[in-house]
């Protein structure tokens, strides 16, 4: 078995509530705050939704640019439904993509989103395989 790229983060408790501050181990990585109480930053579960949105968004932008689409807007909303009992993990994620750009049509948008969610988005593929994924696309 060969190992791939290794990434690492460090979070340090701020001493205040459930707040942690940190980022990548590399000094050039910007710092973030994760707050279990969602007061000063996203909670860990909201941060996971942000990561899922950011990962797919980066894929969609890259794919559409390769299709020679001149993007004007890419907005991704991700909502998740969690289990009632512990562990309160996500059991479903729903993506909503709002896209606009010169040369963009429904077929290109659909292809980019499917490639992201089914093949490329490493965040989605790092989650439990039984999570139900759904999406909608709005082309402006």
N, C-alpha and C. Protein backbone atom coordinates (compact mmCIF):
# COMPACT_ATOMS: atom_id res chain seq x y z
N UNK A 1 0.84 -1.18 0.00
CA UNK A 1 0.00 0.00 0.00
C UNK A 1 0.89 1.24 0.00
N UNK A 2 0.65 2.14 -0.92
CA UNK A 2 1.41 3.38 -0.96
C UNK A 2 0.61 4.48 -0.29
N UNK A 3 1.31 5.41 0.29
CA UNK A 3 0.60 6.50 0.95
C UNK A 3 0.63 7.73 0.07
N UNK A 4 -0.43 8.51 0.14
CA UNK A 4 -0.54 9.73 -0.64
C UNK A 4 -0.03 10.92 0.15
N UNK A 5 -0.41 12.06 -0.33
CA UNK A 5 -0.02 13.31 0.31
C UNK A 5 -0.54 13.36 1.74
N UNK A 6 0.29 13.77 2.66
CA UNK A 6 -0.10 13.88 4.06
C UNK A 6 -0.33 15.35 4.38
N UNK A 7 -1.46 15.64 5.00
CA UNK A 7 -1.80 17.00 5.41
C UNK A 7 -1.99 16.99 6.92
N UNK A 8 -1.73 18.10 7.56
CA UNK A 8 -1.88 18.17 9.01
C UNK A 8 -2.37 19.56 9.42
N UNK A 9 -3.15 19.57 10.48
CA UNK A 9 -3.63 20.82 11.06
C UNK A 9 -3.35 20.78 12.56
N UNK A 10 -3.41 21.94 13.16
CA UNK A 10 -3.25 22.04 14.60
C UNK A 10 -4.29 23.03 15.11
N UNK A 11 -5.04 22.62 16.12
CA UNK A 11 -5.99 23.51 16.79
C UNK A 11 -5.59 23.60 18.25
N UNK A 12 -5.72 24.79 18.79
CA UNK A 12 -5.41 24.99 20.21
C UNK A 12 -6.62 25.62 20.88
N UNK A 13 -7.02 25.06 22.01
CA UNK A 13 -8.13 25.61 22.78
C UNK A 13 -7.75 26.99 23.25
N UNK A 14 -8.64 27.95 23.08
CA UNK A 14 -8.35 29.34 23.47
C UNK A 14 -8.54 29.56 24.96
N UNK A 15 -9.14 28.59 25.66
CA UNK A 15 -9.42 28.75 27.08
C UNK A 15 -10.78 29.38 27.33
N UNK A 16 -11.50 29.66 26.25
CA UNK A 16 -12.79 30.33 26.34
C UNK A 16 -13.87 29.45 25.71
N UNK A 17 -14.76 28.90 26.53
CA UNK A 17 -15.85 28.09 26.00
C UNK A 17 -15.35 26.90 25.21
N UNK A 18 -15.90 26.74 24.00
CA UNK A 18 -15.51 25.63 23.13
C UNK A 18 -14.76 26.16 21.90
N UNK A 19 -14.01 27.25 22.09
CA UNK A 19 -13.31 27.88 20.97
C UNK A 19 -11.89 27.33 20.80
N UNK A 20 -11.57 27.06 19.55
CA UNK A 20 -10.25 26.57 19.16
C UNK A 20 -9.76 27.43 18.01
N UNK A 21 -8.47 27.74 17.98
CA UNK A 21 -7.88 28.52 16.91
C UNK A 21 -6.71 27.73 16.34
N UNK A 22 -6.59 27.76 15.04
CA UNK A 22 -5.49 27.05 14.42
C UNK A 22 -5.58 27.07 12.92
N UNK A 23 -4.88 26.13 12.33
CA UNK A 23 -4.84 26.03 10.87
C UNK A 23 -3.86 24.95 10.49
N UNK A 24 -3.36 25.05 9.29
CA UNK A 24 -2.37 24.09 8.83
C UNK A 24 -1.08 24.22 9.62
N UNK A 25 -0.33 23.15 9.69
CA UNK A 25 0.93 23.14 10.40
C UNK A 25 1.92 24.12 9.77
N UNK A 26 1.86 24.23 8.42
CA UNK A 26 2.76 25.15 7.73
C UNK A 26 2.47 26.59 8.17
N UNK A 27 3.51 27.37 8.47
CA UNK A 27 3.30 28.73 8.96
C UNK A 27 2.54 29.64 7.98
N UNK A 28 2.59 29.35 6.70
CA UNK A 28 1.92 30.21 5.73
C UNK A 28 0.42 29.99 5.64
N UNK A 29 -0.10 28.99 6.34
CA UNK A 29 -1.53 28.69 6.30
C UNK A 29 -2.29 29.68 7.18
N UNK A 30 -3.33 30.32 6.64
CA UNK A 30 -4.11 31.27 7.45
C UNK A 30 -4.79 30.57 8.63
N UNK A 31 -4.95 31.29 9.71
CA UNK A 31 -5.59 30.75 10.90
C UNK A 31 -7.10 30.82 10.77
N UNK A 32 -7.77 29.91 11.43
CA UNK A 32 -9.23 29.88 11.51
C UNK A 32 -9.63 29.64 12.95
N UNK A 33 -10.88 29.98 13.25
CA UNK A 33 -11.41 29.68 14.57
C UNK A 33 -12.61 28.76 14.41
N UNK A 34 -12.60 27.69 15.15
CA UNK A 34 -13.71 26.72 15.19
C UNK A 34 -14.31 26.84 16.58
N UNK A 35 -15.63 27.03 16.63
CA UNK A 35 -16.30 27.26 17.91
C UNK A 35 -17.48 26.30 18.06
N UNK A 36 -17.37 25.38 19.01
CA UNK A 36 -18.44 24.42 19.26
C UNK A 36 -19.75 25.07 19.63
N UNK A 37 -19.72 26.34 20.07
CA UNK A 37 -20.93 27.08 20.40
C UNK A 37 -21.40 27.98 19.26
N UNK A 38 -20.66 28.00 18.14
CA UNK A 38 -20.98 28.82 16.96
C UNK A 38 -21.10 30.31 17.27
N UNK A 39 -20.30 30.79 18.22
CA UNK A 39 -20.34 32.21 18.57
C UNK A 39 -19.31 33.03 17.79
N UNK A 40 -18.08 32.56 17.74
CA UNK A 40 -17.01 33.33 17.11
C UNK A 40 -16.53 32.73 15.80
N UNK A 41 -17.10 31.61 15.44
CA UNK A 41 -16.72 30.93 14.21
C UNK A 41 -17.63 29.75 14.00
N UNK A 42 -17.49 29.08 12.86
CA UNK A 42 -18.35 27.93 12.61
C UNK A 42 -18.05 26.79 13.58
N UNK A 43 -19.09 26.03 13.88
CA UNK A 43 -18.91 24.83 14.69
C UNK A 43 -18.20 23.79 13.82
N UNK A 44 -17.69 22.73 14.42
CA UNK A 44 -17.04 21.70 13.61
C UNK A 44 -17.95 21.15 12.51
N UNK A 45 -19.24 20.97 12.79
CA UNK A 45 -20.14 20.42 11.79
C UNK A 45 -20.44 21.42 10.67
N UNK A 46 -20.52 22.71 11.01
CA UNK A 46 -20.67 23.72 9.96
C UNK A 46 -19.38 23.84 9.15
N UNK A 47 -18.25 23.70 9.80
CA UNK A 47 -16.97 23.74 9.09
C UNK A 47 -16.89 22.59 8.08
N UNK A 48 -17.45 21.45 8.44
CA UNK A 48 -17.48 20.33 7.51
C UNK A 48 -18.33 20.66 6.28
N UNK A 49 -19.48 21.31 6.48
CA UNK A 49 -20.30 21.74 5.35
C UNK A 49 -19.56 22.76 4.49
N UNK A 50 -18.86 23.69 5.13
CA UNK A 50 -18.07 24.67 4.38
C UNK A 50 -16.99 23.97 3.56
N UNK A 51 -16.34 22.98 4.15
CA UNK A 51 -15.31 22.23 3.42
C UNK A 51 -15.92 21.49 2.23
N UNK A 52 -17.09 20.89 2.43
CA UNK A 52 -17.75 20.18 1.33
C UNK A 52 -18.14 21.15 0.22
N UNK A 53 -18.61 22.34 0.59
CA UNK A 53 -18.97 23.35 -0.41
C UNK A 53 -17.73 23.86 -1.13
N UNK A 54 -16.69 24.16 -0.38
CA UNK A 54 -15.46 24.69 -0.98
C UNK A 54 -14.78 23.70 -1.90
N UNK A 55 -14.76 22.45 -1.50
CA UNK A 55 -14.14 21.41 -2.32
C UNK A 55 -14.88 21.26 -3.64
N UNK A 56 -16.19 21.12 -3.59
CA UNK A 56 -16.96 20.96 -4.82
C UNK A 56 -16.91 22.24 -5.65
N UNK A 57 -16.96 23.39 -4.98
CA UNK A 57 -16.88 24.66 -5.71
C UNK A 57 -15.59 24.79 -6.50
N UNK A 58 -14.49 24.41 -5.89
CA UNK A 58 -13.19 24.47 -6.59
C UNK A 58 -13.19 23.54 -7.80
N UNK A 59 -13.77 22.35 -7.63
CA UNK A 59 -13.87 21.41 -8.75
C UNK A 59 -14.70 22.00 -9.88
N UNK A 60 -15.87 22.53 -9.54
CA UNK A 60 -16.79 23.05 -10.56
C UNK A 60 -16.15 24.21 -11.31
N UNK A 61 -15.49 25.12 -10.59
CA UNK A 61 -14.81 26.23 -11.26
C UNK A 61 -13.75 25.70 -12.22
N UNK A 62 -12.93 24.79 -11.76
CA UNK A 62 -11.86 24.24 -12.58
C UNK A 62 -12.41 23.53 -13.83
N UNK A 63 -13.44 22.73 -13.64
CA UNK A 63 -14.03 21.98 -14.76
C UNK A 63 -14.66 22.93 -15.77
N UNK A 64 -15.42 23.92 -15.28
CA UNK A 64 -16.07 24.84 -16.21
C UNK A 64 -15.06 25.71 -16.95
N UNK A 65 -13.97 26.08 -16.29
CA UNK A 65 -12.93 26.84 -16.99
C UNK A 65 -12.32 26.00 -18.11
N UNK A 66 -12.12 24.71 -17.86
CA UNK A 66 -11.61 23.82 -18.91
C UNK A 66 -12.59 23.71 -20.07
N UNK A 67 -13.88 23.92 -19.79
CA UNK A 67 -14.91 23.92 -20.83
C UNK A 67 -15.02 25.29 -21.50
N UNK A 68 -14.12 26.18 -21.15
CA UNK A 68 -14.05 27.54 -21.69
C UNK A 68 -15.25 28.41 -21.32
N UNK A 69 -15.79 28.18 -20.16
CA UNK A 69 -16.86 29.02 -19.63
C UNK A 69 -16.21 30.19 -18.90
N UNK A 70 -16.66 31.40 -19.19
CA UNK A 70 -16.19 32.59 -18.47
C UNK A 70 -17.16 32.85 -17.33
N UNK A 71 -16.79 32.40 -16.15
CA UNK A 71 -17.69 32.46 -15.00
C UNK A 71 -17.85 33.88 -14.47
N UNK A 72 -19.08 34.20 -14.10
CA UNK A 72 -19.39 35.46 -13.43
C UNK A 72 -19.78 35.22 -11.97
N UNK A 73 -20.41 34.06 -11.74
CA UNK A 73 -20.90 33.78 -10.38
C UNK A 73 -20.89 32.28 -10.13
N UNK A 74 -20.37 31.91 -8.98
CA UNK A 74 -20.46 30.53 -8.49
C UNK A 74 -20.79 30.64 -7.00
N UNK A 75 -21.96 30.19 -6.65
CA UNK A 75 -22.38 30.20 -5.25
C UNK A 75 -22.89 28.81 -4.91
N UNK A 76 -22.42 28.27 -3.80
CA UNK A 76 -22.81 26.92 -3.40
C UNK A 76 -23.38 26.97 -2.00
N UNK A 77 -24.57 26.43 -1.85
CA UNK A 77 -25.17 26.25 -0.53
C UNK A 77 -25.19 24.75 -0.26
N UNK A 78 -24.81 24.36 0.94
CA UNK A 78 -24.87 22.95 1.31
C UNK A 78 -25.62 22.86 2.64
N UNK A 79 -26.64 22.03 2.65
CA UNK A 79 -27.35 21.77 3.89
C UNK A 79 -27.21 20.29 4.22
N UNK A 80 -27.15 20.01 5.49
CA UNK A 80 -27.01 18.63 5.91
C UNK A 80 -28.05 18.24 6.94
N UNK A 81 -28.48 17.01 6.87
CA UNK A 81 -29.41 16.46 7.87
C UNK A 81 -28.61 15.49 8.74
N UNK A 82 -28.75 15.67 10.06
CA UNK A 82 -27.98 14.87 11.01
C UNK A 82 -28.86 13.84 11.71
N UNK A 83 -28.23 12.79 12.19
CA UNK A 83 -28.91 11.79 13.00
C UNK A 83 -29.36 12.43 14.31
N UNK A 84 -30.42 11.89 14.88
CA UNK A 84 -30.93 12.38 16.17
C UNK A 84 -30.06 11.88 17.32
N UNK A 85 -29.54 10.65 17.19
CA UNK A 85 -28.76 10.05 18.28
C UNK A 85 -27.26 10.15 17.98
N UNK A 86 -26.48 9.99 19.02
CA UNK A 86 -25.03 10.05 18.87
C UNK A 86 -24.52 8.80 18.16
N UNK A 87 -23.54 8.91 17.34
CA UNK A 87 -22.92 10.15 16.90
C UNK A 87 -23.85 10.89 15.93
N UNK A 88 -23.98 12.19 16.11
CA UNK A 88 -24.92 12.99 15.33
C UNK A 88 -24.30 13.39 13.99
N UNK A 89 -23.87 12.39 13.25
CA UNK A 89 -23.22 12.63 11.97
C UNK A 89 -24.25 13.00 10.90
N UNK A 90 -23.75 13.53 9.80
CA UNK A 90 -24.64 13.82 8.68
C UNK A 90 -25.07 12.51 8.02
N UNK A 91 -26.35 12.43 7.69
CA UNK A 91 -26.86 11.28 6.95
C UNK A 91 -27.23 11.68 5.53
N UNK A 92 -27.34 12.99 5.28
CA UNK A 92 -27.59 13.47 3.92
C UNK A 92 -27.03 14.87 3.76
N UNK A 93 -26.60 15.16 2.55
CA UNK A 93 -26.14 16.49 2.17
C UNK A 93 -26.89 16.90 0.91
N UNK A 94 -27.33 18.15 0.87
CA UNK A 94 -27.99 18.68 -0.32
C UNK A 94 -27.23 19.93 -0.76
N UNK A 95 -26.79 19.91 -2.01
CA UNK A 95 -26.07 21.02 -2.62
C UNK A 95 -27.03 21.84 -3.47
N UNK A 96 -26.84 23.15 -3.45
CA UNK A 96 -27.55 24.05 -4.36
C UNK A 96 -26.51 24.95 -5.01
N UNK A 97 -26.36 24.83 -6.31
CA UNK A 97 -25.37 25.59 -7.08
C UNK A 97 -26.08 26.70 -7.83
N UNK A 98 -25.61 27.94 -7.67
CA UNK A 98 -26.07 29.07 -8.47
C UNK A 98 -24.91 29.47 -9.36
N UNK A 99 -25.08 29.34 -10.67
CA UNK A 99 -23.99 29.53 -11.60
C UNK A 99 -24.39 30.48 -12.72
N UNK A 100 -23.46 31.33 -13.12
CA UNK A 100 -23.68 32.15 -14.31
C UNK A 100 -22.34 32.41 -14.98
N UNK A 101 -22.42 32.58 -16.29
CA UNK A 101 -21.20 32.87 -17.04
C UNK A 101 -21.44 32.77 -18.52
N UNK A 102 -20.56 33.39 -19.26
CA UNK A 102 -20.62 33.36 -20.71
C UNK A 102 -20.22 31.97 -21.20
N UNK A 103 -21.07 31.38 -22.03
CA UNK A 103 -20.79 30.04 -22.54
C UNK A 103 -21.30 28.94 -21.65
N UNK A 104 -21.98 29.30 -20.56
CA UNK A 104 -22.50 28.30 -19.64
C UNK A 104 -23.90 27.88 -20.06
N UNK A 105 -24.14 26.58 -20.13
CA UNK A 105 -25.48 26.07 -20.36
C UNK A 105 -25.75 24.98 -19.33
N UNK A 106 -26.97 24.50 -19.33
CA UNK A 106 -27.41 23.50 -18.35
C UNK A 106 -26.58 22.22 -18.43
N UNK A 107 -26.27 21.77 -19.65
CA UNK A 107 -25.51 20.53 -19.82
C UNK A 107 -24.11 20.64 -19.22
N UNK A 108 -23.44 21.77 -19.48
CA UNK A 108 -22.09 21.96 -18.93
C UNK A 108 -22.13 22.02 -17.41
N UNK A 109 -23.11 22.75 -16.87
CA UNK A 109 -23.23 22.86 -15.41
C UNK A 109 -23.48 21.49 -14.79
N UNK A 110 -24.38 20.73 -15.38
CA UNK A 110 -24.71 19.40 -14.88
C UNK A 110 -23.48 18.48 -14.91
N UNK A 111 -22.75 18.54 -16.00
CA UNK A 111 -21.56 17.69 -16.13
C UNK A 111 -20.51 18.05 -15.08
N UNK A 112 -20.28 19.35 -14.87
CA UNK A 112 -19.29 19.80 -13.89
C UNK A 112 -19.67 19.36 -12.47
N UNK A 113 -20.93 19.52 -12.11
CA UNK A 113 -21.39 19.15 -10.77
C UNK A 113 -21.29 17.64 -10.57
N UNK A 114 -21.74 16.86 -11.55
CA UNK A 114 -21.67 15.40 -11.43
C UNK A 114 -20.23 14.93 -11.30
N UNK A 115 -19.33 15.48 -12.11
CA UNK A 115 -17.92 15.09 -12.01
C UNK A 115 -17.37 15.41 -10.62
N UNK A 116 -17.73 16.57 -10.10
CA UNK A 116 -17.25 16.95 -8.78
C UNK A 116 -17.74 15.98 -7.71
N UNK A 117 -19.05 15.79 -7.64
CA UNK A 117 -19.62 14.98 -6.56
C UNK A 117 -19.37 13.49 -6.71
N UNK A 118 -19.32 13.00 -7.94
CA UNK A 118 -19.16 11.56 -8.14
C UNK A 118 -17.71 11.11 -8.28
N UNK A 119 -16.81 12.03 -8.65
CA UNK A 119 -15.45 11.60 -8.93
C UNK A 119 -14.36 12.38 -8.18
N UNK A 120 -14.43 13.70 -8.16
CA UNK A 120 -13.29 14.50 -7.72
C UNK A 120 -13.31 15.04 -6.29
N UNK A 121 -14.45 15.37 -5.74
CA UNK A 121 -14.48 16.08 -4.44
C UNK A 121 -13.97 15.17 -3.32
N UNK A 122 -12.76 15.43 -2.88
CA UNK A 122 -12.14 14.59 -1.86
C UNK A 122 -12.83 14.70 -0.50
N UNK A 123 -13.44 15.83 -0.21
CA UNK A 123 -14.16 15.96 1.06
C UNK A 123 -15.36 15.02 1.07
N UNK A 124 -16.15 15.06 0.02
CA UNK A 124 -17.32 14.18 -0.07
C UNK A 124 -16.89 12.71 0.02
N UNK A 125 -15.82 12.37 -0.67
CA UNK A 125 -15.37 10.98 -0.68
C UNK A 125 -14.68 10.57 0.63
N UNK A 126 -14.42 11.52 1.50
CA UNK A 126 -13.86 11.22 2.82
C UNK A 126 -14.95 10.96 3.86
N UNK A 127 -16.19 11.22 3.51
CA UNK A 127 -17.31 11.02 4.42
C UNK A 127 -17.81 9.58 4.33
N UNK A 128 -18.67 9.21 5.26
CA UNK A 128 -19.24 7.85 5.26
C UNK A 128 -19.91 7.59 3.92
N UNK A 129 -19.71 6.40 3.37
CA UNK A 129 -20.23 6.11 2.03
C UNK A 129 -21.75 6.02 1.95
N UNK A 130 -22.44 5.93 3.09
CA UNK A 130 -23.90 5.83 3.04
C UNK A 130 -24.61 7.19 3.12
N UNK A 131 -23.85 8.28 3.11
CA UNK A 131 -24.47 9.60 3.14
C UNK A 131 -25.19 9.83 1.81
N UNK A 132 -26.45 10.21 1.90
CA UNK A 132 -27.24 10.49 0.71
C UNK A 132 -26.87 11.87 0.18
N UNK A 133 -26.51 11.95 -1.10
CA UNK A 133 -26.17 13.22 -1.74
C UNK A 133 -27.26 13.59 -2.73
N UNK A 134 -27.62 14.86 -2.72
CA UNK A 134 -28.55 15.38 -3.72
C UNK A 134 -28.08 16.78 -4.09
N UNK A 135 -28.57 17.26 -5.23
CA UNK A 135 -28.18 18.61 -5.65
C UNK A 135 -29.21 19.19 -6.58
N UNK A 136 -29.16 20.50 -6.66
CA UNK A 136 -29.94 21.23 -7.66
C UNK A 136 -29.02 22.30 -8.24
N UNK A 137 -29.29 22.66 -9.48
CA UNK A 137 -28.47 23.64 -10.19
C UNK A 137 -29.37 24.73 -10.72
N UNK A 138 -28.99 25.97 -10.45
CA UNK A 138 -29.68 27.13 -11.00
C UNK A 138 -28.67 27.82 -11.92
N UNK A 139 -28.98 27.87 -13.22
CA UNK A 139 -28.13 28.56 -14.19
C UNK A 139 -28.79 29.89 -14.49
N UNK A 140 -28.07 30.97 -14.17
CA UNK A 140 -28.63 32.32 -14.39
C UNK A 140 -28.21 32.86 -15.72
